[in-house]
Amino acid sequence: MNTQLTPLIDQAGQFILGKEHQIKLSLTCLLAHGHLLLEDLPGVGKTILSSVLARSLGLEFSRIQFTSDLLPADILGVSVYERESGNFNFHPGPVFSQVVLADEINRATPKTQSALLEAMEEEQVTIEGKTYTLPHPFFVIATQNPSYQLGTFPLPESQLDRFLMVVSLGYPDRDAERQLLAGRERREMLQELRPVITPEELTTLQHQVKAVYASDALIDYVQALLEFSRHSPFYLNGLSPRAGLALLSAARAWALLHGRNHVMPEDVQLVLPYVAAHRLQLADDRHHAGMEATVKPFSEVAIP
């Protein structure tokens, strides 16, 4: 394990009990300079995890509660006429933060959801013909309730594709839930939280991810997985080149998180379901499907 990141994982584990794997996946997404979608039932700790990551990294944090009446201007900001100066002055919205929690993103209309597209892809927003650069690092953590719950709007494929990974926390096990029930209120504990990594150290780690070595054979393996998804009769559409880049970037970040400077096939296999599931749709169009069944051992994939 990367010794620089161990304190962060341990600190987050004090809030999200029994979910070390999900914490590591969330941190992997951040190290890979991606955006994270937490998809689960209300009340399992999605918002707390977002707050813990932001505070532990010493980053500016803003929370946007998505509702059906939320407008794009409520996210991006608006120009207001100042009578004293006779000019329009831009008032930035909550998206101008280093960590943005888009809480219950699928409760807003598709028009409002799309307000984040440019921000997540380009780290900038264009308002009334003028472009504004967002803070760096810029990390969106969105939470999504199950689609069968009332008042939800499904995220379009273009919006889902902006998220590097989708992670589900799930219910805690019996021992973890016992500690939660018998322990202190988590929101009180948040007030005492102190950064364990500086934003500058985080930026350095993100640069180190790009330098993690991936061999030609490893890249061949990634390509084989992409081609499998494109020719499989089980999926409407295969994984895009952007998905391939996301998969390789997440595998590099997972390797760095575990103290290695090279990617192994097991890294790709581990992050693949979280990178690919939301980008694939079953041919019968019922729901999004993971790729757990399609991941083959490295030795079984034909390498050109």
C-alpha atoms as a PDB file:
ATOM      1  CA  MET A   1       0.000   0.000   0.000  1.00  0.00           C
ATOM      2  CA  ASN A   2       1.195   3.523  -0.808  1.00  0.00           C
ATOM      3  CA  THR A   3       2.337   4.857   2.583  1.00  0.00           C
ATOM      4  CA  GLN A   4       1.408   8.419   1.644  1.00  0.00           C
ATOM      5  CA  LEU A   5      -2.226   7.407   1.135  1.00  0.00           C
ATOM      6  CA  THR A   6      -2.619   5.007   4.071  1.00  0.00           C
ATOM      7  CA  PRO A   7      -3.568   7.781   6.583  1.00  0.00           C
ATOM      8  CA  LEU A   8      -6.290   8.978   4.207  1.00  0.00           C
ATOM      9  CA  ILE A   9      -7.770   5.476   3.849  1.00  0.00           C
ATOM     10  CA  ASP A  10      -7.625   4.936   7.603  1.00  0.00           C
ATOM     11  CA  GLN A  11      -9.286   8.275   8.342  1.00  0.00           C
ATOM     12  CA  ALA A  12     -12.085   7.662   5.850  1.00  0.00           C
ATOM     13  CA  GLY A  13     -12.543   4.185   7.340  1.00  0.00           C
ATOM     14  CA  GLN A  14     -13.440   5.745  10.683  1.00  0.00           C
ATOM     15  CA  PHE A  15     -16.537   7.266   9.049  1.00  0.00           C
ATOM     16  CA  ILE A  16     -17.519   4.682   6.443  1.00  0.00           C
ATOM     17  CA  LEU A  17     -17.176   1.531   8.522  1.00  0.00           C
ATOM     18  CA  GLY A  18     -16.403  -1.784   6.862  1.00  0.00           C
ATOM     19  CA  LYS A  19     -16.101  -0.274   3.370  1.00  0.00           C
ATOM     20  CA  GLU A  20     -12.331  -0.106   2.810  1.00  0.00           C
ATOM     21  CA  HIS A  21     -12.653  -1.492  -0.713  1.00  0.00           C
ATOM     22  CA  GLN A  22     -15.166   1.201  -1.744  1.00  0.00           C
ATOM     23  CA  ILE A  23     -12.979   3.879  -0.143  1.00  0.00           C
ATOM     24  CA  LYS A  24      -9.993   2.660  -2.165  1.00  0.00           C
ATOM     25  CA  LEU A  25     -12.064   2.685  -5.354  1.00  0.00           C
ATOM     26  CA  SER A  26     -13.222   6.256  -4.679  1.00  0.00           C
ATOM     27  CA  LEU A  27      -9.651   7.353  -4.052  1.00  0.00           C
ATOM     28  CA  THR A  28      -8.540   5.532  -7.199  1.00  0.00           C
ATOM     29  CA  CYS A  29     -11.052   7.575  -9.184  1.00  0.00           C
ATOM     30  CA  LEU A  30      -9.703  10.801  -7.698  1.00  0.00           C
ATOM     31  CA  LEU A  31      -6.068   9.831  -8.347  1.00  0.00           C
ATOM     32  CA  ALA A  32      -6.972   9.042 -11.955  1.00  0.00           C
ATOM     33  CA  HIS A  33      -8.331  12.595 -12.261  1.00  0.00           C
ATOM     34  CA  GLY A  34     -11.838  11.302 -12.919  1.00  0.00           C
ATOM     35  CA  HIS A  35     -15.323  11.837 -11.563  1.00  0.00           C
ATOM     36  CA  LEU A  36     -17.222   9.446  -9.316  1.00  0.00           C
ATOM     37  CA  LEU A  37     -20.866   8.376  -9.273  1.00  0.00           C
ATOM     38  CA  LEU A  38     -22.081   6.753  -6.053  1.00  0.00           C
ATOM     39  CA  GLU A  39     -25.232   4.783  -6.828  1.00  0.00           C
ATOM     40  CA  ASP A  40     -27.120   3.424  -3.861  1.00  0.00           C
ATOM     41  CA  LEU A  41     -30.057   3.760  -1.497  1.00  0.00           C
ATOM     42  CA  PRO A  42     -30.381   6.927   0.614  1.00  0.00           C
ATOM     43  CA  GLY A  43     -28.745   6.767   4.021  1.00  0.00           C
ATOM     44  CA  VAL A  44     -25.794   4.437   3.405  1.00  0.00           C
ATOM     45  CA  GLY A  45     -23.086   7.111   3.665  1.00  0.00           C
ATOM     46  CA  LYS A  46     -22.644   8.529   0.167  1.00  0.00           C
ATOM     47  CA  THR A  47     -22.691  12.174   1.297  1.00  0.00           C
ATOM     48  CA  ILE A  48     -20.470  11.486   4.313  1.00  0.00           C
ATOM     49  CA  LEU A  49     -17.870   9.780   2.101  1.00  0.00           C
ATOM     50  CA  SER A  50     -17.804  12.804  -0.213  1.00  0.00           C
ATOM     51  CA  SER A  51     -17.310  15.203   2.704  1.00  0.00           C
ATOM     52  CA  VAL A  52     -14.592  13.046   4.271  1.00  0.00           C
ATOM     53  CA  LEU A  53     -12.589  12.911   1.035  1.00  0.00           C
ATOM     54  CA  ALA A  54     -12.811  16.675   0.533  1.00  0.00           C
ATOM     55  CA  ARG A  55     -11.823  17.537   4.112  1.00  0.00           C
ATOM     56  CA  SER A  56      -9.060  14.907   4.284  1.00  0.00           C
ATOM     57  CA  LEU A  57      -7.492  16.367   1.154  1.00  0.00           C
ATOM     58  CA  GLY A  58      -7.829  19.978   2.250  1.00  0.00           C
ATOM     59  CA  LEU A  59      -9.958  20.831  -0.797  1.00  0.00           C
ATOM     60  CA  GLU A  60     -12.736  23.379  -1.177  1.00  0.00           C
ATOM     61  CA  PHE A  61     -16.071  21.604  -0.986  1.00  0.00           C
ATOM     62  CA  SER A  62     -19.546  22.539  -2.156  1.00  0.00           C
ATOM     63  CA  ARG A  63     -22.765  20.565  -2.147  1.00  0.00           C
ATOM     64  CA  ILE A  64     -25.581  20.953  -4.654  1.00  0.00           C
ATOM     65  CA  GLN A  65     -28.888  19.362  -3.757  1.00  0.00           C
ATOM     66  CA  PHE A  66     -30.435  18.357  -7.071  1.00  0.00           C
ATOM     67  CA  THR A  67     -34.223  18.748  -7.251  1.00  0.00           C
ATOM     68  CA  SER A  68     -36.763  18.806 -10.061  1.00  0.00           C
ATOM     69  CA  ASP A  69     -36.957  22.627 -10.006  1.00  0.00           C
ATOM     70  CA  LEU A  70     -33.172  23.221 -10.020  1.00  0.00           C
ATOM     71  CA  LEU A  71     -31.984  25.339 -12.968  1.00  0.00           C
ATOM     72  CA  PRO A  72     -28.593  25.316 -14.755  1.00  0.00           C
ATOM     73  CA  ALA A  73     -27.912  28.841 -13.460  1.00  0.00           C
ATOM     74  CA  ASP A  74     -28.247  27.519  -9.900  1.00  0.00           C
ATOM     75  CA  ILE A  75     -25.210  25.348 -10.625  1.00  0.00           C
ATOM     76  CA  LEU A  76     -23.070  27.459 -12.937  1.00  0.00           C
ATOM     77  CA  GLY A  77     -23.795  30.978 -11.730  1.00  0.00           C
ATOM     78  CA  VAL A  78     -25.465  34.041 -13.169  1.00  0.00           C
ATOM     79  CA  SER A  79     -24.634  37.557 -14.334  1.00  0.00           C
ATOM     80  CA  VAL A  80     -26.289  40.214 -12.190  1.00  0.00           C
ATOM     81  CA  TYR A  81     -26.736  43.846 -13.193  1.00  0.00           C
ATOM     82  CA  GLU A  82     -25.018  46.224 -10.760  1.00  0.00           C
ATOM     83  CA  ARG A  83     -26.812  49.547 -10.854  1.00  0.00           C
ATOM     84  CA  GLU A  84     -23.913  51.422  -9.239  1.00  0.00           C
ATOM     85  CA  SER A  85     -21.389  50.399 -11.893  1.00  0.00           C
ATOM     86  CA  GLY A  86     -23.828  49.997 -14.771  1.00  0.00           C
ATOM     87  CA  ASN A  87     -22.281  46.617 -15.617  1.00  0.00           C
ATOM     88  CA  PHE A  88     -23.228  42.963 -15.405  1.00  0.00           C
ATOM     89  CA  ASN A  89     -21.048  41.099 -12.897  1.00  0.00           C
ATOM     90  CA  PHE A  90     -20.785  37.339 -12.910  1.00  0.00           C
ATOM     91  CA  HIS A  91     -21.582  35.576  -9.640  1.00  0.00           C
ATOM     92  CA  PRO A  92     -20.098  32.072  -9.776  1.00  0.00           C
ATOM     93  CA  GLY A  93     -22.253  29.144  -8.732  1.00  0.00           C
ATOM     94  CA  PRO A  94     -21.342  26.202  -6.494  1.00  0.00           C
ATOM     95  CA  VAL A  95     -19.660  24.371  -9.373  1.00  0.00           C
ATOM     96  CA  PHE A  96     -16.677  26.681  -8.801  1.00  0.00           C
ATOM     97  CA  SER A  97     -15.178  24.452  -6.144  1.00  0.00           C
ATOM     98  CA  GLN A  98     -12.496  21.761  -6.063  1.00  0.00           C
ATOM     99  CA  VAL A  99     -14.847  19.019  -4.883  1.00  0.00           C
ATOM    100  CA  VAL A 100     -18.479  19.312  -5.977  1.00  0.00           C
ATOM    101  CA  LEU A 101     -21.048  16.970  -4.499  1.00  0.00           C
ATOM    102  CA  ALA A 102     -23.991  16.635  -6.888  1.00  0.00           C
ATOM    103  CA  ASP A 103     -26.385  15.078  -4.397  1.00  0.00           C
ATOM    104  CA  GLU A 104     -29.199  12.957  -5.861  1.00  0.00           C
ATOM    105  CA  ILE A 105     -28.255  14.043  -9.376  1.00  0.00           C
ATOM    106  CA  ASN A 106     -31.002  11.997 -10.998  1.00  0.00           C
ATOM    107  CA  ARG A 107     -33.725  13.994  -9.238  1.00  0.00           C
ATOM    108  CA  ALA A 108     -33.030  16.948 -11.551  1.00  0.00           C
ATOM    109  CA  THR A 109     -34.262  17.236 -15.130  1.00  0.00           C
ATOM    110  CA  PRO A 110     -31.947  16.251 -18.017  1.00  0.00           C
ATOM    111  CA  LYS A 111     -31.517  19.952 -18.887  1.00  0.00           C
ATOM    112  CA  THR A 112     -30.103  20.676 -15.447  1.00  0.00           C
ATOM    113  CA  GLN A 113     -28.011  17.497 -15.417  1.00  0.00           C
ATOM    114  CA  SER A 114     -26.382  18.574 -18.687  1.00  0.00           C
ATOM    115  CA  ALA A 115     -25.112  21.773 -17.048  1.00  0.00           C
ATOM    116  CA  LEU A 116     -22.250  19.684 -15.653  1.00  0.00           C
ATOM    117  CA  LEU A 117     -21.165  18.175 -18.985  1.00  0.00           C
ATOM    118  CA  GLU A 118     -18.662  20.854 -20.012  1.00  0.00           C
ATOM    119  CA  ALA A 119     -17.413  21.279 -16.451  1.00  0.00           C
ATOM    120  CA  MET A 120     -16.663  17.563 -16.078  1.00  0.00           C
ATOM    121  CA  GLU A 121     -15.026  17.200 -19.474  1.00  0.00           C
ATOM    122  CA  GLU A 122     -13.123  20.480 -19.910  1.00  0.00           C
ATOM    123  CA  GLU A 123     -12.849  21.803 -16.323  1.00  0.00           C
ATOM    124  CA  GLN A 124     -14.423  25.025 -17.533  1.00  0.00           C
ATOM    125  CA  VAL A 125     -17.896  26.474 -18.089  1.00  0.00           C
ATOM    126  CA  THR A 126     -19.169  28.778 -20.799  1.00  0.00           C
ATOM    127  CA  ILE A 127     -21.818  31.268 -19.756  1.00  0.00           C
ATOM    128  CA  GLU A 128     -23.252  33.919 -22.074  1.00  0.00           C
ATOM    129  CA  GLY A 129     -20.399  33.360 -24.514  1.00  0.00           C
ATOM    130  CA  LYS A 130     -17.639  33.753 -21.935  1.00  0.00           C
ATOM    131  CA  THR A 131     -15.493  30.880 -20.666  1.00  0.00           C
ATOM    132  CA  TYR A 132     -14.539  30.545 -17.009  1.00  0.00           C
ATOM    133  CA  THR A 133     -11.868  28.132 -15.772  1.00  0.00           C
ATOM    134  CA  LEU A 134     -12.739  25.949 -12.792  1.00  0.00           C
ATOM    135  CA  PRO A 135     -10.447  25.405  -9.788  1.00  0.00           C
ATOM    136  CA  HIS A 136      -7.787  22.695  -9.887  1.00  0.00           C
ATOM    137  CA  PRO A 137      -7.995  19.925  -8.951  1.00  0.00           C
ATOM    138  CA  PHE A 138     -11.639  19.587  -9.926  1.00  0.00           C
ATOM    139  CA  PHE A 139     -13.541  16.516  -8.812  1.00  0.00           C
ATOM    140  CA  VAL A 140     -17.277  15.802  -9.104  1.00  0.00           C
ATOM    141  CA  ILE A 141     -18.834  13.240  -6.794  1.00  0.00           C
ATOM    142  CA  ALA A 142     -22.447  12.582  -7.695  1.00  0.00           C
ATOM    143  CA  THR A 143     -24.921  10.441  -5.812  1.00  0.00           C
ATOM    144  CA  GLN A 144     -27.795   8.692  -7.500  1.00  0.00           C
ATOM    145  CA  ASN A 145     -30.831   6.983  -6.047  1.00  0.00           C
ATOM    146  CA  PRO A 146     -32.114   3.753  -7.607  1.00  0.00           C
ATOM    147  CA  SER A 147     -34.143   4.440 -10.753  1.00  0.00           C
ATOM    148  CA  TYR A 148     -37.221   2.674  -9.386  1.00  0.00           C
ATOM    149  CA  GLN A 149     -37.668   5.346  -6.704  1.00  0.00           C
ATOM    150  CA  LEU A 150     -40.199   8.112  -7.328  1.00  0.00           C
ATOM    151  CA  GLY A 151     -39.139  11.430  -8.821  1.00  0.00           C
ATOM    152  CA  THR A 152     -35.999  10.288 -10.625  1.00  0.00           C
ATOM    153  CA  PHE A 153     -34.814  11.071 -14.164  1.00  0.00           C
ATOM    154  CA  PRO A 154     -32.406   8.563 -15.705  1.00  0.00           C
ATOM    155  CA  LEU A 155     -28.990   9.960 -16.571  1.00  0.00           C
ATOM    156  CA  PRO A 156     -28.397   9.987 -20.352  1.00  0.00           C
ATOM    157  CA  GLU A 157     -25.497   7.988 -21.757  1.00  0.00           C
ATOM    158  CA  SER A 158     -23.504  11.151 -22.493  1.00  0.00           C
ATOM    159  CA  GLN A 159     -23.718  12.160 -18.820  1.00  0.00           C
ATOM    160  CA  LEU A 160     -22.891   8.682 -17.526  1.00  0.00           C
ATOM    161  CA  ASP A 161     -19.835   8.557 -19.765  1.00  0.00           C
ATOM    162  CA  ARG A 162     -18.375  11.582 -17.964  1.00  0.00           C
ATOM    163  CA  PHE A 163     -18.038   9.511 -14.793  1.00  0.00           C
ATOM    164  CA  LEU A 164     -14.858   7.489 -14.665  1.00  0.00           C
ATOM    165  CA  MET A 165     -16.293   5.028 -12.145  1.00  0.00           C
ATOM    166  CA  VAL A 166     -19.599   4.046 -10.558  1.00  0.00           C
ATOM    167  CA  VAL A 167     -19.392   2.588  -7.051  1.00  0.00           C
ATOM    168  CA  SER A 168     -22.063   1.256  -4.702  1.00  0.00           C
ATOM    169  CA  LEU A 169     -21.516   1.325  -0.932  1.00  0.00           C
ATOM    170  CA  GLY A 170     -24.213  -1.137   0.093  1.00  0.00           C
ATOM    171  CA  TYR A 171     -25.372  -1.922   3.610  1.00  0.00           C
ATOM    172  CA  PRO A 172     -22.718  -2.293   6.341  1.00  0.00           C
ATOM    173  CA  ASP A 173     -22.077  -5.711   7.827  1.00  0.00           C
ATOM    174  CA  ARG A 174     -23.419  -6.498  11.302  1.00  0.00           C
ATOM    175  CA  ASP A 175     -20.244  -5.571  13.218  1.00  0.00           C
ATOM    176  CA  ALA A 176     -19.746  -2.297  11.321  1.00  0.00           C
ATOM    177  CA  GLU A 177     -23.370  -1.303  11.822  1.00  0.00           C
ATOM    178  CA  ARG A 178     -23.085  -2.080  15.547  1.00  0.00           C
ATOM    179  CA  GLN A 179     -20.088   0.275  15.805  1.00  0.00           C
ATOM    180  CA  LEU A 180     -22.035   2.909  13.900  1.00  0.00           C
ATOM    181  CA  LEU A 181     -25.074   2.668  16.155  1.00  0.00           C
ATOM    182  CA  ALA A 182     -23.023   2.696  19.360  1.00  0.00           C
ATOM    183  CA  GLY A 183     -20.535   5.365  18.278  1.00  0.00           C
ATOM    184  CA  ARG A 184     -20.534   9.124  17.880  1.00  0.00           C
ATOM    185  CA  GLU A 185     -22.601  11.042  15.389  1.00  0.00           C
ATOM    186  CA  ARG A 186     -20.611  11.133  12.140  1.00  0.00           C
ATOM    187  CA  ARG A 187     -21.500  14.745  11.347  1.00  0.00           C
ATOM    188  CA  GLU A 188     -20.057  15.804  14.692  1.00  0.00           C
ATOM    189  CA  MET A 189     -16.858  13.933  13.916  1.00  0.00           C
ATOM    190  CA  LEU A 190     -16.625  15.737  10.570  1.00  0.00           C
ATOM    191  CA  GLN A 191     -16.059  19.036  12.357  1.00  0.00           C
ATOM    192  CA  GLU A 192     -12.857  17.628  13.888  1.00  0.00           C
ATOM    193  CA  LEU A 193     -11.499  16.250  10.623  1.00  0.00           C
ATOM    194  CA  ARG A 194      -8.120  17.592   9.505  1.00  0.00           C
ATOM    195  CA  PRO A 195      -6.359  17.246   6.131  1.00  0.00           C
ATOM    196  CA  VAL A 196      -3.847  14.417   5.868  1.00  0.00           C
ATOM    197  CA  ILE A 197      -2.730  15.263   2.308  1.00  0.00           C
ATOM    198  CA  THR A 198      -2.318  18.721   0.825  1.00  0.00           C
ATOM    199  CA  PRO A 199      -3.770  19.692  -2.561  1.00  0.00           C
ATOM    200  CA  GLU A 200      -0.205  20.007  -3.861  1.00  0.00           C
ATOM    201  CA  GLU A 201       0.594  16.440  -2.791  1.00  0.00           C
ATOM    202  CA  LEU A 202      -2.589  15.251  -4.465  1.00  0.00           C
ATOM    203  CA  THR A 203      -1.591  16.938  -7.727  1.00  0.00           C
ATOM    204  CA  THR A 204       1.819  15.264  -7.524  1.00  0.00           C
ATOM    205  CA  LEU A 205       0.184  11.869  -7.011  1.00  0.00           C
ATOM    206  CA  GLN A 206      -2.095  12.443 -10.001  1.00  0.00           C
ATOM    207  CA  HIS A 207       0.984  13.143 -12.135  1.00  0.00           C
ATOM    208  CA  GLN A 208       2.602   9.971 -10.793  1.00  0.00           C
ATOM    209  CA  VAL A 209      -0.416   7.961 -11.957  1.00  0.00           C
ATOM    210  CA  LYS A 210       0.293   8.959 -15.547  1.00  0.00           C
ATOM    211  CA  ALA A 211       3.859   7.673 -15.170  1.00  0.00           C
ATOM    212  CA  VAL A 212       2.808   4.192 -13.958  1.00  0.00           C
ATOM    213  CA  TYR A 213       4.126   1.757 -16.578  1.00  0.00           C
ATOM    214  CA  ALA A 214       1.741  -0.272 -18.741  1.00  0.00           C
ATOM    215  CA  SER A 215       3.458  -2.824 -20.991  1.00  0.00           C
ATOM    216  CA  ASP A 216       2.530  -3.411 -24.619  1.00  0.00           C
ATOM    217  CA  ALA A 217       1.082  -6.789 -23.648  1.00  0.00           C
ATOM    218  CA  LEU A 218      -1.069  -5.119 -20.968  1.00  0.00           C
ATOM    219  CA  ILE A 219      -2.391  -2.604 -23.494  1.00  0.00           C
ATOM    220  CA  ASP A 220      -3.114  -5.508 -25.857  1.00  0.00           C
ATOM    221  CA  TYR A 221      -5.179  -7.030 -23.063  1.00  0.00           C
ATOM    222  CA  VAL A 222      -7.172  -3.811 -22.628  1.00  0.00           C
ATOM    223  CA  GLN A 223      -7.781  -3.677 -26.375  1.00  0.00           C
ATOM    224  CA  ALA A 224      -8.971  -7.284 -26.354  1.00  0.00           C
ATOM    225  CA  LEU A 225     -11.536  -6.425 -23.709  1.00  0.00           C
ATOM    226  CA  LEU A 226     -12.724  -3.401 -25.689  1.00  0.00           C
ATOM    227  CA  GLU A 227     -13.064  -5.464 -28.858  1.00  0.00           C
ATOM    228  CA  PHE A 228     -14.941  -8.182 -26.969  1.00  0.00           C
ATOM    229  CA  SER A 229     -17.530  -5.644 -25.796  1.00  0.00           C
ATOM    230  CA  ARG A 230     -17.950  -4.303 -29.349  1.00  0.00           C
ATOM    231  CA  HIS A 231     -18.543  -7.691 -30.957  1.00  0.00           C
ATOM    232  CA  SER A 232     -20.513  -9.301 -28.141  1.00  0.00           C
ATOM    233  CA  PRO A 233     -24.182  -9.995 -28.945  1.00  0.00           C
ATOM    234  CA  PHE A 234     -25.066  -9.214 -25.318  1.00  0.00           C
ATOM    235  CA  TYR A 235     -24.544  -5.432 -25.558  1.00  0.00           C
ATOM    236  CA  LEU A 236     -26.208  -2.760 -27.666  1.00  0.00           C
ATOM    237  CA  ASN A 237     -22.930  -0.879 -28.078  1.00  0.00           C
ATOM    238  CA  GLY A 238     -19.368  -1.650 -27.110  1.00  0.00           C
ATOM    239  CA  LEU A 239     -16.946   0.383 -25.059  1.00  0.00           C
ATOM    240  CA  SER A 240     -15.625   3.556 -26.666  1.00  0.00           C
ATOM    241  CA  PRO A 241     -11.978   4.657 -26.916  1.00  0.00           C
ATOM    242  CA  ARG A 242     -12.712   7.054 -24.039  1.00  0.00           C
ATOM    243  CA  ALA A 243     -13.782   4.055 -21.952  1.00  0.00           C
ATOM    244  CA  GLY A 244     -10.497   2.332 -22.838  1.00  0.00           C
ATOM    245  CA  LEU A 245      -8.516   5.345 -21.659  1.00  0.00           C
ATOM    246  CA  ALA A 246     -10.589   5.461 -18.482  1.00  0.00           C
ATOM    247  CA  LEU A 247      -9.958   1.766 -17.834  1.00  0.00           C
ATOM    248  CA  LEU A 248      -6.208   2.123 -18.261  1.00  0.00           C
ATOM    249  CA  SER A 249      -6.089   5.272 -16.136  1.00  0.00           C
ATOM    250  CA  ALA A 250      -8.056   3.625 -13.314  1.00  0.00           C
ATOM    251  CA  ALA A 251      -5.808   0.549 -13.440  1.00  0.00           C
ATOM    252  CA  ARG A 252      -2.726   2.790 -13.190  1.00  0.00           C
ATOM    253  CA  ALA A 253      -4.228   4.605 -10.184  1.00  0.00           C
ATOM    254  CA  TRP A 254      -5.102   1.315  -8.470  1.00  0.00           C
ATOM    255  CA  ALA A 255      -1.507   0.132  -8.976  1.00  0.00           C
ATOM    256  CA  LEU A 256      -0.109   3.369  -7.526  1.00  0.00           C
ATOM    257  CA  LEU A 257      -2.497   3.114  -4.578  1.00  0.00           C
ATOM    258  CA  HIS A 258      -0.959  -0.272  -3.805  1.00  0.00           C
ATOM    259  CA  GLY A 259       2.611   0.985  -4.052  1.00  0.00           C
ATOM    260  CA  ARG A 260       3.499  -0.290  -7.524  1.00  0.00           C
ATOM    261  CA  ASN A 261       4.956   1.586 -10.488  1.00  0.00           C
ATOM    262  CA  HIS A 262       3.558  -0.823 -13.102  1.00  0.00           C
ATOM    263  CA  VAL A 263       0.109  -2.133 -14.027  1.00  0.00           C
ATOM    264  CA  MET A 264      -0.723  -5.811 -13.666  1.00  0.00           C
ATOM    265  CA  PRO A 265      -3.602  -7.644 -15.389  1.00  0.00           C
ATOM    266  CA  GLU A 266      -5.246  -8.063 -11.993  1.00  0.00           C
ATOM    267  CA  ASP A 267      -5.480  -4.267 -11.702  1.00  0.00           C
ATOM    268  CA  VAL A 268      -7.435  -4.097 -14.957  1.00  0.00           C
ATOM    269  CA  GLN A 269      -9.695  -6.957 -13.904  1.00  0.00           C
ATOM    270  CA  LEU A 270     -10.466  -5.346 -10.558  1.00  0.00           C
ATOM    271  CA  VAL A 271     -11.429  -1.880 -11.822  1.00  0.00           C
ATOM    272  CA  LEU A 272     -13.146  -3.064 -15.010  1.00  0.00           C
ATOM    273  CA  PRO A 273     -16.667  -3.582 -13.582  1.00  0.00           C
ATOM    274  CA  TYR A 274     -16.659  -0.130 -11.984  1.00  0.00           C
ATOM    275  CA  VAL A 275     -15.414   1.569 -15.163  1.00  0.00           C
ATOM    276  CA  ALA A 276     -17.437  -0.373 -17.720  1.00  0.00           C
ATOM    277  CA  ALA A 277     -20.774  -1.274 -16.124  1.00  0.00           C
ATOM    278  CA  HIS A 278     -22.424   2.128 -16.581  1.00  0.00           C
ATOM    279  CA  ARG A 279     -21.139   2.387 -20.154  1.00  0.00           C
ATOM    280  CA  LEU A 280     -22.705  -0.883 -21.318  1.00  0.00           C
ATOM    281  CA  GLN A 281     -26.328  -1.727 -21.925  1.00  0.00           C
ATOM    282  CA  LEU A 282     -27.788  -5.167 -22.433  1.00  0.00           C
ATOM    283  CA  ALA A 283     -29.124  -5.878 -25.889  1.00  0.00           C
ATOM    284  CA  ASP A 284     -32.608  -6.384 -24.466  1.00  0.00           C
ATOM    285  CA  ASP A 285     -32.401  -2.779 -23.154  1.00  0.00           C
ATOM    286  CA  ARG A 286     -33.542  -3.672 -19.666  1.00  0.00           C
ATOM    287  CA  HIS A 287     -30.698  -2.272 -17.565  1.00  0.00           C
ATOM    288  CA  HIS A 288     -27.009  -1.540 -17.554  1.00  0.00           C
ATOM    289  CA  ALA A 289     -24.783  -4.580 -17.227  1.00  0.00           C
ATOM    290  CA  GLY A 290     -21.392  -5.191 -15.702  1.00  0.00           C
ATOM    291  CA  MET A 291     -18.548  -7.073 -17.313  1.00  0.00           C
ATOM    292  CA  GLU A 292     -17.697  -9.444 -14.504  1.00  0.00           C
ATOM    293  CA  ALA A 293     -18.513 -12.458 -16.681  1.00  0.00           C
ATOM    294  CA  THR A 294     -16.463 -11.203 -19.616  1.00  0.00           C
ATOM    295  CA  VAL A 295     -13.195 -10.568 -17.755  1.00  0.00           C
ATOM    296  CA  LYS A 296     -10.771 -13.285 -18.699  1.00  0.00           C
ATOM    297  CA  PRO A 297      -7.441 -14.105 -17.092  1.00  0.00           C
ATOM    298  CA  PHE A 298      -4.536 -12.401 -18.805  1.00  0.00           C
ATOM    299  CA  SER A 299      -3.191 -15.685 -20.142  1.00  0.00           C
ATOM    300  CA  GLU A 300      -6.492 -16.628 -21.782  1.00  0.00           C
ATOM    301  CA  VAL A 301      -6.824 -13.518 -23.974  1.00  0.00           C
ATOM    302  CA  ALA A 302      -5.293 -13.855 -27.394  1.00  0.00           C
ATOM    303  CA  ILE A 303      -2.493 -11.305 -27.626  1.00  0.00           C
ATOM    304  CA  PRO A 304      -1.784 -10.181 -31.232  1.00  0.00           C
END
